[in-house]
Amino acid sequence: MATGKYSILYLTDLCFEAKGRKYYAEDLYLTSRLREHFEVLICHPCDSEKFEKSVDLIVFRNCGPVMNYQAYFNAFVERINTKNILSFNSMKGKADMRGKGYLIEMSREGFPVIPTIERSEDLHLLPSTEKYMVKLKDGADSIGMHVVNEQELSTLDLAGSIVQPFVDFIYEVSFYFIDQEFQYALYAPDKSKRWNLEMYNATAADLAFATRFIDWNALSHGIQRVDACRTREGNLLFVELEDLNPYLSIDLLSDDLRENFVTNFGKSLMSAIEIHQQGL
């Protein structure tokens, strides 16, 4: 550390376009702030290998759906987990980081999740409904997601997919965590506009709900987003746990809340580096 700063390899795809989200703007802002305390090198995840041993920490951020470069990503995770390379998030997540198969496991174990199956013969395990959601296990950003009726479902090849009942919810809400600490919550009051988000005042019951999934994942360090929907009955149902590279929507936060998040982000990165170096 010639400058007295730890070094970060910040992985992002600044050209990736996502509906309703400016990935590049979020990462340009975060890297500009991280430079106050770290040396920051930015590159695409598919170009990272040659730099990985030259930095103290790799930050995996808005890199788009990894299914678009699955072989590169699989090799990246293998290097991280076998060569004692420090990454943020940790690549030990059990949720979306590994695909959506965990939703089937959670459904079987009675978690408050949207009931989920992967075989048509298990359709009886889902509540009766006129429509079903079919999603790719390795999908993201709604890629490959479509709505079908029961007759259409019976004709589909479900290999690599999951099936859920179509839920008539009131709104979607997301809870954002750094490590195990809650940071803020946002919701979409108009359910037809997923990324038109507003601040959400989470109740104690809401946080208990969200924290249950953070505890289940037991990720040592990283940013996680718990997505849920509010049903017509007033309950929260778990939708997914984004534990790889959740979009943060930090442009929607108040100045104070954004500053608090950035400060906590930097502290978590610093802590991860120091703990890792103590174990070397």
C-alpha atoms as a PDB file:
ATOM      1  CA  MET A   1       0.000   0.000   0.000  1.00  0.00           C
ATOM      2  CA  ALA A   2       2.239   2.771  -1.257  1.00  0.00           C
ATOM      3  CA  THR A   3      -0.581   5.261  -0.770  1.00  0.00           C
ATOM      4  CA  GLY A   4      -1.540   3.886   2.620  1.00  0.00           C
ATOM      5  CA  LYS A   5      -4.840   2.704   1.138  1.00  0.00           C
ATOM      6  CA  TYR A   6      -6.125  -0.811   0.572  1.00  0.00           C
ATOM      7  CA  SER A   7      -6.804  -1.672  -3.078  1.00  0.00           C
ATOM      8  CA  ILE A   8     -10.107  -2.749  -4.606  1.00  0.00           C
ATOM      9  CA  LEU A   9     -10.927  -4.394  -7.922  1.00  0.00           C
ATOM     10  CA  TYR A  10     -14.463  -3.172  -8.609  1.00  0.00           C
ATOM     11  CA  LEU A  11     -16.311  -5.383 -11.088  1.00  0.00           C
ATOM     12  CA  THR A  12     -19.154  -3.822 -13.075  1.00  0.00           C
ATOM     13  CA  ASP A  13     -20.609  -3.632 -16.561  1.00  0.00           C
ATOM     14  CA  LEU A  14     -20.992   0.087 -17.199  1.00  0.00           C
ATOM     15  CA  CYS A  15     -22.711  -0.543 -20.537  1.00  0.00           C
ATOM     16  CA  PHE A  16     -25.391  -2.912 -19.264  1.00  0.00           C
ATOM     17  CA  GLU A  17     -28.882  -1.539 -19.817  1.00  0.00           C
ATOM     18  CA  ALA A  18     -31.674  -2.449 -17.408  1.00  0.00           C
ATOM     19  CA  LYS A  19     -35.264  -1.293 -17.531  1.00  0.00           C
ATOM     20  CA  GLY A  20     -35.888   1.418 -14.948  1.00  0.00           C
ATOM     21  CA  ARG A  21     -32.360   1.320 -13.520  1.00  0.00           C
ATOM     22  CA  LYS A  22     -29.118   3.140 -14.248  1.00  0.00           C
ATOM     23  CA  TYR A  23     -26.530   0.560 -13.238  1.00  0.00           C
ATOM     24  CA  TYR A  24     -23.627   2.615 -14.540  1.00  0.00           C
ATOM     25  CA  ALA A  25     -24.656   5.722 -12.586  1.00  0.00           C
ATOM     26  CA  GLU A  26     -24.858   3.800  -9.324  1.00  0.00           C
ATOM     27  CA  ASP A  27     -21.405   2.284  -9.770  1.00  0.00           C
ATOM     28  CA  LEU A  28     -19.790   5.502 -10.923  1.00  0.00           C
ATOM     29  CA  TYR A  29     -21.109   7.183  -7.794  1.00  0.00           C
ATOM     30  CA  LEU A  30     -19.999   4.391  -5.456  1.00  0.00           C
ATOM     31  CA  THR A  31     -16.517   4.116  -6.945  1.00  0.00           C
ATOM     32  CA  SER A  32     -16.073   7.893  -6.734  1.00  0.00           C
ATOM     33  CA  ARG A  33     -16.872   7.705  -3.035  1.00  0.00           C
ATOM     34  CA  LEU A  34     -14.761   4.626  -2.360  1.00  0.00           C
ATOM     35  CA  ARG A  35     -11.723   6.400  -3.828  1.00  0.00           C
ATOM     36  CA  GLU A  36     -11.695   8.568  -0.704  1.00  0.00           C
ATOM     37  CA  HIS A  37     -10.477   5.561   1.291  1.00  0.00           C
ATOM     38  CA  PHE A  38      -9.330   2.912  -1.228  1.00  0.00           C
ATOM     39  CA  GLU A  39      -7.350   2.584  -4.422  1.00  0.00           C
ATOM     40  CA  VAL A  40      -9.999   1.532  -6.956  1.00  0.00           C
ATOM     41  CA  LEU A  41      -9.523  -0.375 -10.222  1.00  0.00           C
ATOM     42  CA  ILE A  42     -12.660  -0.897 -12.349  1.00  0.00           C
ATOM     43  CA  CYS A  43     -13.170  -3.655 -14.910  1.00  0.00           C
ATOM     44  CA  HIS A  44     -15.742  -6.003 -16.419  1.00  0.00           C
ATOM     45  CA  PRO A  45     -16.124  -9.344 -14.591  1.00  0.00           C
ATOM     46  CA  CYS A  46     -15.003 -11.272 -17.676  1.00  0.00           C
ATOM     47  CA  ASP A  47     -11.653  -9.432 -17.583  1.00  0.00           C
ATOM     48  CA  SER A  48     -10.887  -9.770 -13.892  1.00  0.00           C
ATOM     49  CA  GLU A  49      -8.589 -12.798 -13.624  1.00  0.00           C
ATOM     50  CA  LYS A  50      -5.329 -11.020 -14.486  1.00  0.00           C
ATOM     51  CA  PHE A  51      -5.928  -8.440 -11.725  1.00  0.00           C
ATOM     52  CA  GLU A  52      -7.374 -10.584  -8.936  1.00  0.00           C
ATOM     53  CA  LYS A  53      -4.105 -11.313  -7.132  1.00  0.00           C
ATOM     54  CA  SER A  54      -2.978  -7.686  -7.321  1.00  0.00           C
ATOM     55  CA  VAL A  55      -5.623  -6.220  -4.992  1.00  0.00           C
ATOM     56  CA  ASP A  56      -6.770  -6.608  -1.414  1.00  0.00           C
ATOM     57  CA  LEU A  57     -10.446  -7.120  -2.228  1.00  0.00           C
ATOM     58  CA  ILE A  58     -12.717  -7.746  -5.227  1.00  0.00           C
ATOM     59  CA  VAL A  59     -16.107  -6.019  -5.186  1.00  0.00           C
ATOM     60  CA  PHE A  60     -18.726  -7.682  -7.396  1.00  0.00           C
ATOM     61  CA  ARG A  61     -21.396  -5.112  -8.181  1.00  0.00           C
ATOM     62  CA  ASN A  62     -23.728  -4.240 -11.068  1.00  0.00           C
ATOM     63  CA  CYS A  63     -22.482  -6.821 -13.544  1.00  0.00           C
ATOM     64  CA  GLY A  64     -25.800  -7.759 -15.120  1.00  0.00           C
ATOM     65  CA  PRO A  65     -27.281 -11.294 -15.196  1.00  0.00           C
ATOM     66  CA  VAL A  66     -24.429 -13.791 -14.859  1.00  0.00           C
ATOM     67  CA  MET A  67     -26.332 -16.203 -17.122  1.00  0.00           C
ATOM     68  CA  ASN A  68     -25.039 -13.992 -19.945  1.00  0.00           C
ATOM     69  CA  TYR A  69     -21.476 -15.072 -19.119  1.00  0.00           C
ATOM     70  CA  GLN A  70     -22.069 -18.176 -17.023  1.00  0.00           C
ATOM     71  CA  ALA A  71     -18.792 -19.950 -17.833  1.00  0.00           C
ATOM     72  CA  TYR A  72     -16.753 -16.897 -16.834  1.00  0.00           C
ATOM     73  CA  PHE A  73     -18.738 -16.497 -13.639  1.00  0.00           C
ATOM     74  CA  ASN A  74     -18.408 -20.162 -12.663  1.00  0.00           C
ATOM     75  CA  ALA A  75     -14.634 -19.948 -13.158  1.00  0.00           C
ATOM     76  CA  PHE A  76     -14.544 -16.722 -11.134  1.00  0.00           C
ATOM     77  CA  VAL A  77     -16.381 -18.298  -8.193  1.00  0.00           C
ATOM     78  CA  GLU A  78     -14.101 -21.323  -8.357  1.00  0.00           C
ATOM     79  CA  ARG A  79     -11.012 -19.097  -8.110  1.00  0.00           C
ATOM     80  CA  ILE A  80     -12.464 -17.040  -5.267  1.00  0.00           C
ATOM     81  CA  ASN A  81     -13.393 -20.081  -3.207  1.00  0.00           C
ATOM     82  CA  THR A  82     -10.245 -22.142  -3.817  1.00  0.00           C
ATOM     83  CA  LYS A  83      -7.423 -19.586  -3.984  1.00  0.00           C
ATOM     84  CA  ASN A  84      -8.097 -17.596  -0.827  1.00  0.00           C
ATOM     85  CA  ILE A  85      -9.143 -14.509  -2.795  1.00  0.00           C
ATOM     86  CA  LEU A  86     -11.310 -12.058  -0.871  1.00  0.00           C
ATOM     87  CA  SER A  87     -14.527 -10.947  -2.550  1.00  0.00           C
ATOM     88  CA  PHE A  88     -17.444  -8.745  -1.577  1.00  0.00           C
ATOM     89  CA  ASN A  89     -19.987 -10.241  -1.587  1.00  0.00           C
ATOM     90  CA  SER A  90     -18.573 -13.455  -0.221  1.00  0.00           C
ATOM     91  CA  MET A  91     -19.131 -16.152  -2.838  1.00  0.00           C
ATOM     92  CA  LYS A  92     -20.604 -18.526  -0.250  1.00  0.00           C
ATOM     93  CA  GLY A  93     -24.230 -17.434  -0.629  1.00  0.00           C
ATOM     94  CA  LYS A  94     -27.056 -19.989  -0.760  1.00  0.00           C
ATOM     95  CA  ALA A  95     -29.702 -17.856  -2.454  1.00  0.00           C
ATOM     96  CA  ASP A  96     -29.889 -16.192  -5.909  1.00  0.00           C
ATOM     97  CA  MET A  97     -26.122 -16.502  -6.200  1.00  0.00           C
ATOM     98  CA  ARG A  98     -26.762 -20.192  -6.926  1.00  0.00           C
ATOM     99  CA  GLY A  99     -29.983 -19.769  -8.886  1.00  0.00           C
ATOM    100  CA  LYS A 100     -33.573 -20.026  -7.706  1.00  0.00           C
ATOM    101  CA  GLY A 101     -33.552 -23.652  -6.611  1.00  0.00           C
ATOM    102  CA  TYR A 102     -33.429 -22.536  -2.974  1.00  0.00           C
ATOM    103  CA  LEU A 103     -37.049 -21.354  -3.296  1.00  0.00           C
ATOM    104  CA  ILE A 104     -38.111 -24.981  -3.737  1.00  0.00           C
ATOM    105  CA  GLU A 105     -36.190 -25.937  -0.595  1.00  0.00           C
ATOM    106  CA  MET A 106     -37.707 -23.066   1.381  1.00  0.00           C
ATOM    107  CA  SER A 107     -41.191 -23.929   0.174  1.00  0.00           C
ATOM    108  CA  ARG A 108     -40.765 -27.516   1.360  1.00  0.00           C
ATOM    109  CA  GLU A 109     -39.474 -26.348   4.724  1.00  0.00           C
ATOM    110  CA  GLY A 110     -42.432 -24.066   5.372  1.00  0.00           C
ATOM    111  CA  PHE A 111     -40.802 -20.660   5.036  1.00  0.00           C
ATOM    112  CA  PRO A 112     -43.209 -17.780   4.281  1.00  0.00           C
ATOM    113  CA  VAL A 113     -42.351 -17.866   0.582  1.00  0.00           C
ATOM    114  CA  ILE A 114     -44.401 -18.015  -2.577  1.00  0.00           C
ATOM    115  CA  PRO A 115     -44.981 -21.790  -2.966  1.00  0.00           C
ATOM    116  CA  THR A 116     -42.528 -23.161  -5.507  1.00  0.00           C
ATOM    117  CA  ILE A 117     -42.163 -26.438  -7.419  1.00  0.00           C
ATOM    118  CA  GLU A 118     -40.019 -27.683 -10.298  1.00  0.00           C
ATOM    119  CA  ARG A 119     -42.033 -30.658 -11.592  1.00  0.00           C
ATOM    120  CA  SER A 120     -45.528 -30.678 -13.141  1.00  0.00           C
ATOM    121  CA  GLU A 121     -46.457 -33.729 -11.041  1.00  0.00           C
ATOM    122  CA  ASP A 122     -46.048 -31.556  -7.931  1.00  0.00           C
ATOM    123  CA  LEU A 123     -48.692 -29.096  -9.094  1.00  0.00           C
ATOM    124  CA  HIS A 124     -51.014 -30.298  -6.314  1.00  0.00           C
ATOM    125  CA  LEU A 125     -48.591 -28.762  -3.802  1.00  0.00           C
ATOM    126  CA  LEU A 126     -49.470 -25.276  -5.050  1.00  0.00           C
ATOM    127  CA  PRO A 127     -52.641 -23.404  -4.090  1.00  0.00           C
ATOM    128  CA  SER A 128     -55.409 -23.453  -6.683  1.00  0.00           C
ATOM    129  CA  THR A 129     -55.014 -20.596  -9.152  1.00  0.00           C
ATOM    130  CA  GLU A 130     -55.888 -19.693 -12.729  1.00  0.00           C
ATOM    131  CA  LYS A 131     -52.376 -18.565 -13.648  1.00  0.00           C
ATOM    132  CA  TYR A 132     -48.809 -19.643 -12.887  1.00  0.00           C
ATOM    133  CA  MET A 133     -45.425 -17.962 -13.114  1.00  0.00           C
ATOM    134  CA  VAL A 134     -42.668 -19.956 -14.807  1.00  0.00           C
ATOM    135  CA  LYS A 135     -39.140 -18.698 -14.136  1.00  0.00           C
ATOM    136  CA  LEU A 136     -35.692 -19.914 -15.138  1.00  0.00           C
ATOM    137  CA  LYS A 137     -33.709 -21.297 -12.210  1.00  0.00           C
ATOM    138  CA  ASP A 138     -30.690 -19.328 -13.380  1.00  0.00           C
ATOM    139  CA  GLY A 139     -32.698 -16.349 -14.595  1.00  0.00           C
ATOM    140  CA  ALA A 140     -32.457 -12.702 -13.555  1.00  0.00           C
ATOM    141  CA  ASP A 141     -34.073  -9.404 -14.545  1.00  0.00           C
ATOM    142  CA  SER A 142     -37.234 -11.346 -15.535  1.00  0.00           C
ATOM    143  CA  ILE A 143     -35.353 -13.095 -18.369  1.00  0.00           C
ATOM    144  CA  GLY A 144     -37.366 -16.139 -19.453  1.00  0.00           C
ATOM    145  CA  MET A 145     -40.239 -15.422 -17.059  1.00  0.00           C
ATOM    146  CA  HIS A 146     -43.763 -15.924 -18.377  1.00  0.00           C
ATOM    147  CA  VAL A 147     -47.342 -16.418 -17.186  1.00  0.00           C
ATOM    148  CA  VAL A 148     -49.300 -19.528 -18.203  1.00  0.00           C
ATOM    149  CA  ASN A 149     -52.560 -21.265 -17.327  1.00  0.00           C
ATOM    150  CA  GLU A 150     -52.776 -24.850 -16.081  1.00  0.00           C
ATOM    151  CA  GLN A 151     -53.335 -26.324 -19.527  1.00  0.00           C
ATOM    152  CA  GLU A 152     -50.358 -24.471 -20.966  1.00  0.00           C
ATOM    153  CA  LEU A 153     -48.258 -25.507 -17.980  1.00  0.00           C
ATOM    154  CA  SER A 154     -48.966 -29.178 -18.657  1.00  0.00           C
ATOM    155  CA  THR A 155     -47.372 -28.890 -22.106  1.00  0.00           C
ATOM    156  CA  LEU A 156     -44.146 -27.196 -20.996  1.00  0.00           C
ATOM    157  CA  ASP A 157     -40.760 -28.770 -20.537  1.00  0.00           C
ATOM    158  CA  LEU A 158     -39.895 -27.489 -17.036  1.00  0.00           C
ATOM    159  CA  ALA A 159     -36.257 -28.572 -17.078  1.00  0.00           C
ATOM    160  CA  GLY A 160     -34.231 -25.717 -15.614  1.00  0.00           C
ATOM    161  CA  SER A 161     -37.340 -23.869 -14.453  1.00  0.00           C
ATOM    162  CA  ILE A 162     -39.444 -23.299 -11.352  1.00  0.00           C
ATOM    163  CA  VAL A 163     -43.209 -22.798 -11.119  1.00  0.00           C
ATOM    164  CA  GLN A 164     -45.124 -20.568  -8.711  1.00  0.00           C
ATOM    165  CA  PRO A 165     -48.771 -19.549  -8.409  1.00  0.00           C
ATOM    166  CA  PHE A 166     -49.550 -16.100  -9.773  1.00  0.00           C
ATOM    167  CA  VAL A 167     -49.954 -13.970  -6.632  1.00  0.00           C
ATOM    168  CA  ASP A 168     -52.335 -11.007  -6.692  1.00  0.00           C
ATOM    169  CA  PHE A 169     -50.269  -8.862  -4.333  1.00  0.00           C
ATOM    170  CA  ILE A 170     -50.713  -5.217  -3.323  1.00  0.00           C
ATOM    171  CA  TYR A 171     -47.110  -4.079  -3.670  1.00  0.00           C
ATOM    172  CA  GLU A 172     -43.510  -5.275  -3.665  1.00  0.00           C
ATOM    173  CA  VAL A 173     -41.037  -4.177  -1.006  1.00  0.00           C
ATOM    174  CA  SER A 174     -37.276  -4.591  -0.709  1.00  0.00           C
ATOM    175  CA  PHE A 175     -35.132  -4.588   2.434  1.00  0.00           C
ATOM    176  CA  TYR A 176     -31.444  -3.746   2.032  1.00  0.00           C
ATOM    177  CA  PHE A 177     -28.714  -5.071   4.323  1.00  0.00           C
ATOM    178  CA  ILE A 178     -24.960  -4.645   4.639  1.00  0.00           C
ATOM    179  CA  ASP A 179     -23.630  -7.800   6.250  1.00  0.00           C
ATOM    180  CA  GLN A 180     -26.378  -8.555   8.805  1.00  0.00           C
ATOM    181  CA  GLU A 181     -27.358  -4.929   9.454  1.00  0.00           C
ATOM    182  CA  PHE A 182     -30.543  -3.419   8.003  1.00  0.00           C
ATOM    183  CA  GLN A 183     -29.958  -0.195   6.058  1.00  0.00           C
ATOM    184  CA  TYR A 184     -33.221   0.933   4.447  1.00  0.00           C
ATOM    185  CA  ALA A 185     -36.357  -0.285   2.667  1.00  0.00           C
ATOM    186  CA  LEU A 186     -38.035   0.760  -0.591  1.00  0.00           C
ATOM    187  CA  TYR A 187     -41.335  -0.277  -2.142  1.00  0.00           C
ATOM    188  CA  ALA A 188     -43.229  -0.004  -5.416  1.00  0.00           C
ATOM    189  CA  PRO A 189     -46.707   1.355  -4.613  1.00  0.00           C
ATOM    190  CA  ASP A 190     -47.734   0.704  -8.235  1.00  0.00           C
ATOM    191  CA  LYS A 191     -47.095  -2.997  -8.737  1.00  0.00           C
ATOM    192  CA  SER A 192     -47.041  -2.571 -12.522  1.00  0.00           C
ATOM    193  CA  LYS A 193     -43.953  -0.349 -12.184  1.00  0.00           C
ATOM    194  CA  ARG A 194     -41.441  -2.458 -10.265  1.00  0.00           C
ATOM    195  CA  TRP A 195     -38.642   0.120 -10.273  1.00  0.00           C
ATOM    196  CA  ASN A 196     -40.719   3.213  -9.483  1.00  0.00           C
ATOM    197  CA  LEU A 197     -39.719   3.003  -5.861  1.00  0.00           C
ATOM    198  CA  GLU A 198     -40.436   5.089  -2.786  1.00  0.00           C
ATOM    199  CA  MET A 199     -39.145   5.014   0.772  1.00  0.00           C
ATOM    200  CA  TYR A 200     -40.814   2.408   2.985  1.00  0.00           C
ATOM    201  CA  ASN A 201     -41.035   2.664   6.768  1.00  0.00           C
ATOM    202  CA  ALA A 202     -40.355  -0.895   7.868  1.00  0.00           C
ATOM    203  CA  THR A 203     -42.108  -2.099  11.009  1.00  0.00           C
ATOM    204  CA  ALA A 204     -40.566  -4.366  13.620  1.00  0.00           C
ATOM    205  CA  ALA A 205     -42.566  -7.251  12.148  1.00  0.00           C
ATOM    206  CA  ASP A 206     -41.282  -6.426   8.645  1.00  0.00           C
ATOM    207  CA  LEU A 207     -37.684  -6.456   9.837  1.00  0.00           C
ATOM    208  CA  ALA A 208     -38.168  -9.711  11.718  1.00  0.00           C
ATOM    209  CA  PHE A 209     -39.491 -11.200   8.475  1.00  0.00           C
ATOM    210  CA  ALA A 210     -36.577  -9.945   6.366  1.00  0.00           C
ATOM    211  CA  THR A 211     -33.901 -10.783   8.928  1.00  0.00           C
ATOM    212  CA  ARG A 212     -35.048 -14.405   9.005  1.00  0.00           C
ATOM    213  CA  PHE A 213     -33.791 -14.808   5.440  1.00  0.00           C
ATOM    214  CA  ILE A 214     -30.552 -12.939   6.090  1.00  0.00           C
ATOM    215  CA  ASP A 215     -29.909 -15.274   9.046  1.00  0.00           C
ATOM    216  CA  TRP A 216     -30.714 -18.311   6.895  1.00  0.00           C
ATOM    217  CA  ASN A 217     -28.162 -17.310   4.282  1.00  0.00           C
ATOM    218  CA  ALA A 218     -25.432 -16.739   6.890  1.00  0.00           C
ATOM    219  CA  LEU A 219     -23.290 -14.715   4.478  1.00  0.00           C
ATOM    220  CA  SER A 220     -20.150 -13.548   6.260  1.00  0.00           C
ATOM    221  CA  HIS A 221     -20.017 -10.203   4.446  1.00  0.00           C
ATOM    222  CA  GLY A 222     -21.775  -8.462   1.595  1.00  0.00           C
ATOM    223  CA  ILE A 223     -24.794  -6.460   0.483  1.00  0.00           C
ATOM    224  CA  GLN A 224     -28.082  -8.354   0.325  1.00  0.00           C
ATOM    225  CA  ARG A 225     -31.606  -7.401  -0.715  1.00  0.00           C
ATOM    226  CA  VAL A 226     -34.666  -9.262   0.545  1.00  0.00           C
ATOM    227  CA  ASP A 227     -37.577  -8.889  -1.879  1.00  0.00           C
ATOM    228  CA  ALA A 228     -41.117  -9.589  -0.716  1.00  0.00           C
ATOM    229  CA  CYS A 229     -44.715  -8.846  -1.681  1.00  0.00           C
ATOM    230  CA  ARG A 230     -47.656  -7.750   0.462  1.00  0.00           C
ATOM    231  CA  THR A 231     -50.657 -10.018  -0.109  1.00  0.00           C
ATOM    232  CA  ARG A 232     -54.311  -8.998  -0.113  1.00  0.00           C
ATOM    233  CA  GLU A 233     -54.531 -10.604   3.332  1.00  0.00           C
ATOM    234  CA  GLY A 234     -51.870  -8.208   4.624  1.00  0.00           C
ATOM    235  CA  ASN A 235     -49.043 -10.742   4.973  1.00  0.00           C
ATOM    236  CA  LEU A 236     -45.551 -10.575   3.519  1.00  0.00           C
ATOM    237  CA  LEU A 237     -44.499 -13.354   1.168  1.00  0.00           C
ATOM    238  CA  PHE A 238     -40.839 -13.841   0.308  1.00  0.00           C
ATOM    239  CA  VAL A 239     -39.984 -13.412  -3.385  1.00  0.00           C
ATOM    240  CA  GLU A 240     -36.196 -13.732  -3.504  1.00  0.00           C
ATOM    241  CA  LEU A 241     -32.925 -13.015  -1.734  1.00  0.00           C
ATOM    242  CA  GLU A 242     -30.490 -11.222  -4.017  1.00  0.00           C
ATOM    243  CA  ASP A 243     -27.131 -12.080  -2.458  1.00  0.00           C
ATOM    244  CA  LEU A 244     -24.781 -11.503  -5.400  1.00  0.00           C
ATOM    245  CA  ASN A 245     -25.144  -8.015  -6.871  1.00  0.00           C
ATOM    246  CA  PRO A 246     -28.420  -6.359  -5.829  1.00  0.00           C
ATOM    247  CA  TYR A 247     -29.229  -3.030  -7.407  1.00  0.00           C
ATOM    248  CA  LEU A 248     -29.393  -0.506  -4.560  1.00  0.00           C
ATOM    249  CA  SER A 249     -31.474   2.395  -5.910  1.00  0.00           C
ATOM    250  CA  ILE A 250     -29.341   4.720  -3.789  1.00  0.00           C
ATOM    251  CA  ASP A 251     -30.294   7.680  -5.977  1.00  0.00           C
ATOM    252  CA  LEU A 252     -33.730   7.529  -4.332  1.00  0.00           C
ATOM    253  CA  LEU A 253     -32.395   7.909  -0.800  1.00  0.00           C
ATOM    254  CA  SER A 254     -32.236  11.106   1.191  1.00  0.00           C
ATOM    255  CA  ASP A 255     -28.789  12.707   1.424  1.00  0.00           C
ATOM    256  CA  ASP A 256     -28.394  11.578   5.032  1.00  0.00           C
ATOM    257  CA  LEU A 257     -29.493   8.001   4.354  1.00  0.00           C
ATOM    258  CA  ARG A 258     -27.261   7.737   1.278  1.00  0.00           C
ATOM    259  CA  GLU A 259     -24.303   9.068   3.230  1.00  0.00           C
ATOM    260  CA  ASN A 260     -24.964   6.588   6.018  1.00  0.00           C
ATOM    261  CA  PHE A 261     -25.095   3.714   3.534  1.00  0.00           C
ATOM    262  CA  VAL A 262     -21.845   4.717   1.827  1.00  0.00           C
ATOM    263  CA  THR A 263     -20.121   5.054   5.209  1.00  0.00           C
ATOM    264  CA  ASN A 264     -21.327   1.618   6.311  1.00  0.00           C
ATOM    265  CA  PHE A 265     -20.331   0.126   2.956  1.00  0.00           C
ATOM    266  CA  GLY A 266     -16.787   1.436   3.331  1.00  0.00           C
ATOM    267  CA  LYS A 267     -16.550   0.201   6.923  1.00  0.00           C
ATOM    268  CA  SER A 268     -17.705  -3.269   5.891  1.00  0.00           C
ATOM    269  CA  LEU A 269     -15.136  -3.422   3.082  1.00  0.00           C
ATOM    270  CA  MET A 270     -12.388  -2.322   5.450  1.00  0.00           C
ATOM    271  CA  SER A 271     -13.443  -4.861   8.064  1.00  0.00           C
ATOM    272  CA  ALA A 272     -13.526  -7.692   5.508  1.00  0.00           C
ATOM    273  CA  ILE A 273     -10.003  -6.858   4.344  1.00  0.00           C
ATOM    274  CA  GLU A 274      -8.582  -6.641   7.860  1.00  0.00           C
ATOM    275  CA  ILE A 275     -10.192  -9.899   8.988  1.00  0.00           C
ATOM    276  CA  HIS A 276      -8.941 -11.639   5.856  1.00  0.00           C
ATOM    277  CA  GLN A 277      -5.394 -10.366   6.318  1.00  0.00           C
ATOM    278  CA  GLN A 278      -5.331 -11.468   9.939  1.00  0.00           C
ATOM    279  CA  GLY A 279      -6.047 -14.996   8.761  1.00  0.00           C
ATOM    280  CA  LEU A 280      -3.259 -15.069   6.153  1.00  0.00           C
END
